[in-house]
Amino acid sequence: FTYMILASLYESPILPLTIMMAIPLAIVGAFFALFITGQSLNVFSWISIIMLLGLVTKNSILLVDYTLQLQKKGFSRDDALKMAGKVRLRPILMTTFSLIMGMLPLALALTEVGKFRQSMGVAVEGGLISSLILTLFIVPSIFGYMDDLRLWTRRFLGLDSKPSAKRR
């Protein structure tokens, strides 16, 4: 569902794949955190993983969307990726750290009721930490590869990257 919305928003079948590459990074982090802390997979951990998918996708959208805006302004792809990483770093860090701090009491399970839902906090914490670290490096790299693939496909199919001005 997320892929379809992103594909219609960006009018590209390839660009949403770039954005959604952060999802496996978050899921691996969530499973790793659950494994390290000895928590089990239960309803709460699965709910947190579903919640994590939206949170991590948001960080990728921030990077990719700003990169596209900079490219429309005339920046090269590499310059746009570097600038987007610098400009969007603070919002990504702020939202991620606020979520990590918000889920910390749940992950620490300070009460008996909290111990029942501890896996939810642990999964979100692990997923956010791994996706924060890896998204800032992996998503821009994948964006470059996917953009090369998009340009190659357009050349292979004989499509212009910009509409022709000679239309009748």
C-alpha atoms as a PDB file:
ATOM      1  CA  PHE A   1       0.000   0.000   0.000  1.00  0.00           C
ATOM      2  CA  THR A   2       2.807   2.392   0.886  1.00  0.00           C
ATOM      3  CA  TYR A   3       4.568   1.565  -2.358  1.00  0.00           C
ATOM      4  CA  MET A   4       1.469   2.377  -4.414  1.00  0.00           C
ATOM      5  CA  ILE A   5       0.982   5.717  -2.685  1.00  0.00           C
ATOM      6  CA  LEU A   6       4.630   6.672  -3.134  1.00  0.00           C
ATOM      7  CA  ALA A   7       4.635   5.539  -6.771  1.00  0.00           C
ATOM      8  CA  SER A   8       1.642   7.732  -7.550  1.00  0.00           C
ATOM      9  CA  LEU A   9       3.073  10.636  -5.570  1.00  0.00           C
ATOM     10  CA  TYR A  10       6.466  10.601  -7.283  1.00  0.00           C
ATOM     11  CA  GLU A  11       5.130   9.300 -10.624  1.00  0.00           C
ATOM     12  CA  SER A  12       7.875   6.697 -10.685  1.00  0.00           C
ATOM     13  CA  PRO A  13       7.923   2.958 -10.017  1.00  0.00           C
ATOM     14  CA  ILE A  14      11.623   3.054  -9.064  1.00  0.00           C
ATOM     15  CA  LEU A  15      11.817   5.953  -6.592  1.00  0.00           C
ATOM     16  CA  PRO A  16       9.572   4.343  -3.943  1.00  0.00           C
ATOM     17  CA  LEU A  17      11.947   1.373  -3.848  1.00  0.00           C
ATOM     18  CA  THR A  18      14.684   3.792  -2.810  1.00  0.00           C
ATOM     19  CA  ILE A  19      12.541   5.130  -0.003  1.00  0.00           C
ATOM     20  CA  MET A  20      11.455   1.702   1.169  1.00  0.00           C
ATOM     21  CA  MET A  21      15.031   0.348   1.393  1.00  0.00           C
ATOM     22  CA  ALA A  22      15.166   1.639   4.971  1.00  0.00           C
ATOM     23  CA  ILE A  23      12.420  -0.772   6.042  1.00  0.00           C
ATOM     24  CA  PRO A  24      14.596  -3.926   6.081  1.00  0.00           C
ATOM     25  CA  LEU A  25      17.221  -1.986   8.042  1.00  0.00           C
ATOM     26  CA  ALA A  26      14.667  -1.166  10.723  1.00  0.00           C
ATOM     27  CA  ILE A  27      13.248  -4.682  10.883  1.00  0.00           C
ATOM     28  CA  VAL A  28      16.727  -6.171  11.303  1.00  0.00           C
ATOM     29  CA  GLY A  29      17.410  -3.711  14.119  1.00  0.00           C
ATOM     30  CA  ALA A  30      14.127  -4.550  15.833  1.00  0.00           C
ATOM     31  CA  PHE A  31      14.737  -8.305  15.662  1.00  0.00           C
ATOM     32  CA  PHE A  32      18.315  -7.853  16.836  1.00  0.00           C
ATOM     33  CA  ALA A  33      17.204  -5.751  19.825  1.00  0.00           C
ATOM     34  CA  LEU A  34      14.575  -8.344  20.728  1.00  0.00           C
ATOM     35  CA  PHE A  35      17.189 -11.091  20.495  1.00  0.00           C
ATOM     36  CA  ILE A  36      19.775  -9.213  22.589  1.00  0.00           C
ATOM     37  CA  THR A  37      17.287  -8.423  25.357  1.00  0.00           C
ATOM     38  CA  GLY A  38      15.727 -11.894  25.341  1.00  0.00           C
ATOM     39  CA  GLN A  39      12.264 -10.635  24.425  1.00  0.00           C
ATOM     40  CA  SER A  40       9.881 -12.780  22.432  1.00  0.00           C
ATOM     41  CA  LEU A  41       7.924 -12.038  19.303  1.00  0.00           C
ATOM     42  CA  ASN A  42       4.402 -11.326  20.477  1.00  0.00           C
ATOM     43  CA  VAL A  43       1.490  -9.129  19.507  1.00  0.00           C
ATOM     44  CA  PHE A  44       3.109  -6.037  21.002  1.00  0.00           C
ATOM     45  CA  SER A  45       6.390  -6.534  19.183  1.00  0.00           C
ATOM     46  CA  TRP A  46       4.567  -7.041  15.869  1.00  0.00           C
ATOM     47  CA  ILE A  47       2.521  -3.885  16.455  1.00  0.00           C
ATOM     48  CA  SER A  48       5.728  -1.988  17.133  1.00  0.00           C
ATOM     49  CA  ILE A  49       7.302  -3.326  13.938  1.00  0.00           C
ATOM     50  CA  ILE A  50       4.297  -2.128  11.936  1.00  0.00           C
ATOM     51  CA  MET A  51       4.581   1.258  13.634  1.00  0.00           C
ATOM     52  CA  LEU A  52       8.295   1.265  12.902  1.00  0.00           C
ATOM     53  CA  LEU A  53       7.671   0.865   9.168  1.00  0.00           C
ATOM     54  CA  GLY A  54       5.923   4.227   9.014  1.00  0.00           C
ATOM     55  CA  LEU A  55       8.480   5.996  11.156  1.00  0.00           C
ATOM     56  CA  VAL A  56      11.432   4.789   9.131  1.00  0.00           C
ATOM     57  CA  THR A  57       9.754   5.502   5.810  1.00  0.00           C
ATOM     58  CA  LYS A  58       9.275   9.092   6.954  1.00  0.00           C
ATOM     59  CA  ASN A  59      13.032   9.551   7.405  1.00  0.00           C
ATOM     60  CA  SER A  60      13.712   8.241   3.910  1.00  0.00           C
ATOM     61  CA  ILE A  61      11.032  10.469   2.436  1.00  0.00           C
ATOM     62  CA  LEU A  62      12.672  13.485   4.076  1.00  0.00           C
ATOM     63  CA  LEU A  63      15.996  12.684   2.414  1.00  0.00           C
ATOM     64  CA  VAL A  64      14.732  11.676  -1.007  1.00  0.00           C
ATOM     65  CA  ASP A  65      12.124  14.418  -1.361  1.00  0.00           C
ATOM     66  CA  TYR A  66      14.583  17.169  -0.498  1.00  0.00           C
ATOM     67  CA  THR A  67      17.126  15.670  -2.893  1.00  0.00           C
ATOM     68  CA  LEU A  68      14.526  15.794  -5.669  1.00  0.00           C
ATOM     69  CA  GLN A  69      13.699  19.400  -4.823  1.00  0.00           C
ATOM     70  CA  LEU A  70      17.364  20.336  -5.059  1.00  0.00           C
ATOM     71  CA  GLN A  71      17.733  18.507  -8.360  1.00  0.00           C
ATOM     72  CA  LYS A  72      14.779  20.468  -9.758  1.00  0.00           C
ATOM     73  CA  LYS A  73      16.602  23.648  -8.725  1.00  0.00           C
ATOM     74  CA  GLY A  74      19.549  22.598 -10.886  1.00  0.00           C
ATOM     75  CA  PHE A  75      21.925  20.868  -8.484  1.00  0.00           C
ATOM     76  CA  SER A  76      23.704  17.751  -9.657  1.00  0.00           C
ATOM     77  CA  ARG A  77      22.593  14.489  -8.080  1.00  0.00           C
ATOM     78  CA  ASP A  78      25.694  14.120  -5.924  1.00  0.00           C
ATOM     79  CA  ASP A  79      25.596  17.720  -4.713  1.00  0.00           C
ATOM     80  CA  ALA A  80      21.872  17.410  -4.002  1.00  0.00           C
ATOM     81  CA  LEU A  81      22.430  14.224  -1.982  1.00  0.00           C
ATOM     82  CA  LYS A  82      25.192  15.839   0.076  1.00  0.00           C
ATOM     83  CA  MET A  83      23.159  18.962   0.741  1.00  0.00           C
ATOM     84  CA  ALA A  84      20.006  16.985   1.566  1.00  0.00           C
ATOM     85  CA  GLY A  85      21.982  14.901   4.044  1.00  0.00           C
ATOM     86  CA  LYS A  86      23.266  18.030   5.780  1.00  0.00           C
ATOM     87  CA  VAL A  87      19.974  19.932   5.789  1.00  0.00           C
ATOM     88  CA  ARG A  88      17.700  17.027   6.759  1.00  0.00           C
ATOM     89  CA  LEU A  89      20.037  15.572   9.375  1.00  0.00           C
ATOM     90  CA  ARG A  90      18.662  17.729  12.184  1.00  0.00           C
ATOM     91  CA  PRO A  91      14.944  16.944  11.596  1.00  0.00           C
ATOM     92  CA  ILE A  92      15.729  13.246  11.276  1.00  0.00           C
ATOM     93  CA  LEU A  93      17.778  13.270  14.473  1.00  0.00           C
ATOM     94  CA  MET A  94      15.159  15.269  16.369  1.00  0.00           C
ATOM     95  CA  THR A  95      12.246  13.013  15.483  1.00  0.00           C
ATOM     96  CA  THR A  96      14.227   9.825  15.987  1.00  0.00           C
ATOM     97  CA  PHE A  97      15.659  10.838  19.363  1.00  0.00           C
ATOM     98  CA  SER A  98      12.281  12.073  20.586  1.00  0.00           C
ATOM     99  CA  LEU A  99      10.743   8.710  19.685  1.00  0.00           C
ATOM    100  CA  ILE A 100      13.606   6.844  21.319  1.00  0.00           C
ATOM    101  CA  MET A 101      13.227   8.879  24.507  1.00  0.00           C
ATOM    102  CA  GLY A 102       9.444   8.484  24.417  1.00  0.00           C
ATOM    103  CA  MET A 103       9.707   4.711  24.169  1.00  0.00           C
ATOM    104  CA  LEU A 104      12.461   4.415  26.780  1.00  0.00           C
ATOM    105  CA  PRO A 105      10.118   3.995  29.787  1.00  0.00           C
ATOM    106  CA  LEU A 106       8.290   1.253  27.915  1.00  0.00           C
ATOM    107  CA  ALA A 107      11.563  -0.489  26.986  1.00  0.00           C
ATOM    108  CA  LEU A 108      12.840  -0.302  30.577  1.00  0.00           C
ATOM    109  CA  ALA A 109       9.602  -1.856  31.934  1.00  0.00           C
ATOM    110  CA  LEU A 110       9.639  -0.001  35.232  1.00  0.00           C
ATOM    111  CA  THR A 111       6.270  -1.438  36.347  1.00  0.00           C
ATOM    112  CA  GLU A 112       4.638  -4.851  36.219  1.00  0.00           C
ATOM    113  CA  VAL A 113       2.278  -3.724  33.479  1.00  0.00           C
ATOM    114  CA  GLY A 114       5.259  -2.306  31.602  1.00  0.00           C
ATOM    115  CA  LYS A 115       6.992  -5.695  31.618  1.00  0.00           C
ATOM    116  CA  PHE A 116       4.046  -7.086  29.686  1.00  0.00           C
ATOM    117  CA  ARG A 117       4.616  -4.532  26.894  1.00  0.00           C
ATOM    118  CA  GLN A 118       8.394  -4.288  27.104  1.00  0.00           C
ATOM    119  CA  SER A 119       8.935  -5.989  23.745  1.00  0.00           C
ATOM    120  CA  MET A 120       7.120  -3.111  22.052  1.00  0.00           C
ATOM    121  CA  GLY A 121       9.568  -0.549  23.394  1.00  0.00           C
ATOM    122  CA  VAL A 122      12.600  -2.722  22.738  1.00  0.00           C
ATOM    123  CA  ALA A 123      11.618  -3.368  19.114  1.00  0.00           C
ATOM    124  CA  VAL A 124      10.978   0.298  18.391  1.00  0.00           C
ATOM    125  CA  GLU A 125      14.221   1.363  20.064  1.00  0.00           C
ATOM    126  CA  GLY A 126      16.327  -1.178  18.179  1.00  0.00           C
ATOM    127  CA  GLY A 127      14.656  -0.478  14.865  1.00  0.00           C
ATOM    128  CA  LEU A 128      15.000   3.283  15.199  1.00  0.00           C
ATOM    129  CA  ILE A 129      18.651   3.120  16.201  1.00  0.00           C
ATOM    130  CA  SER A 130      19.645   0.792  13.371  1.00  0.00           C
ATOM    131  CA  SER A 131      17.609   2.650  10.763  1.00  0.00           C
ATOM    132  CA  LEU A 132      18.950   6.028  11.896  1.00  0.00           C
ATOM    133  CA  ILE A 133      22.533   4.940  11.504  1.00  0.00           C
ATOM    134  CA  LEU A 134      22.064   3.002   8.294  1.00  0.00           C
ATOM    135  CA  THR A 135      19.466   5.207   6.576  1.00  0.00           C
ATOM    136  CA  LEU A 136      21.760   8.208   6.531  1.00  0.00           C
ATOM    137  CA  PHE A 137      24.299   6.196   4.525  1.00  0.00           C
ATOM    138  CA  ILE A 138      22.373   3.501   2.667  1.00  0.00           C
ATOM    139  CA  VAL A 139      19.392   5.475   1.304  1.00  0.00           C
ATOM    140  CA  PRO A 140      21.517   8.131  -0.478  1.00  0.00           C
ATOM    141  CA  SER A 141      23.686   5.384  -1.980  1.00  0.00           C
ATOM    142  CA  ILE A 142      20.667   3.451  -3.188  1.00  0.00           C
ATOM    143  CA  PHE A 143      19.165   6.686  -4.522  1.00  0.00           C
ATOM    144  CA  GLY A 144      22.247   7.128  -6.711  1.00  0.00           C
ATOM    145  CA  TYR A 145      22.052   3.565  -8.027  1.00  0.00           C
ATOM    146  CA  MET A 146      18.310   3.750  -8.623  1.00  0.00           C
ATOM    147  CA  ASP A 147      18.676   7.097 -10.391  1.00  0.00           C
ATOM    148  CA  ASP A 148      21.307   5.551 -12.671  1.00  0.00           C
ATOM    149  CA  LEU A 149      18.908   2.667 -13.339  1.00  0.00           C
ATOM    150  CA  ARG A 150      16.075   5.095 -14.078  1.00  0.00           C
ATOM    151  CA  LEU A 151      18.209   7.100 -16.528  1.00  0.00           C
ATOM    152  CA  TRP A 152      19.490   3.934 -18.219  1.00  0.00           C
ATOM    153  CA  THR A 153      15.940   2.605 -18.578  1.00  0.00           C
ATOM    154  CA  ARG A 154      14.750   5.866 -20.124  1.00  0.00           C
ATOM    155  CA  ARG A 155      17.664   5.812 -22.603  1.00  0.00           C
ATOM    156  CA  PHE A 156      17.087   2.118 -23.365  1.00  0.00           C
ATOM    157  CA  LEU A 157      13.393   2.713 -24.071  1.00  0.00           C
ATOM    158  CA  GLY A 158      14.157   5.854 -26.069  1.00  0.00           C
ATOM    159  CA  LEU A 159      12.294   8.179 -23.746  1.00  0.00           C
ATOM    160  CA  ASP A 160      13.527  11.701 -23.156  1.00  0.00           C
ATOM    161  CA  SER A 161      14.256  12.669 -19.573  1.00  0.00           C
ATOM    162  CA  LYS A 162      12.358  15.939 -20.220  1.00  0.00           C
ATOM    163  CA  PRO A 163       9.283  16.425 -22.432  1.00  0.00           C
ATOM    164  CA  SER A 164      10.036  17.686 -25.888  1.00  0.00           C
ATOM    165  CA  ALA A 165       9.168  21.300 -26.699  1.00  0.00           C
ATOM    166  CA  LYS A 166       8.229  20.342 -30.280  1.00  0.00           C
ATOM    167  CA  ARG A 167       4.803  18.880 -29.451  1.00  0.00           C
ATOM    168  CA  ARG A 168       1.949  20.006 -31.665  1.00  0.00           C
END
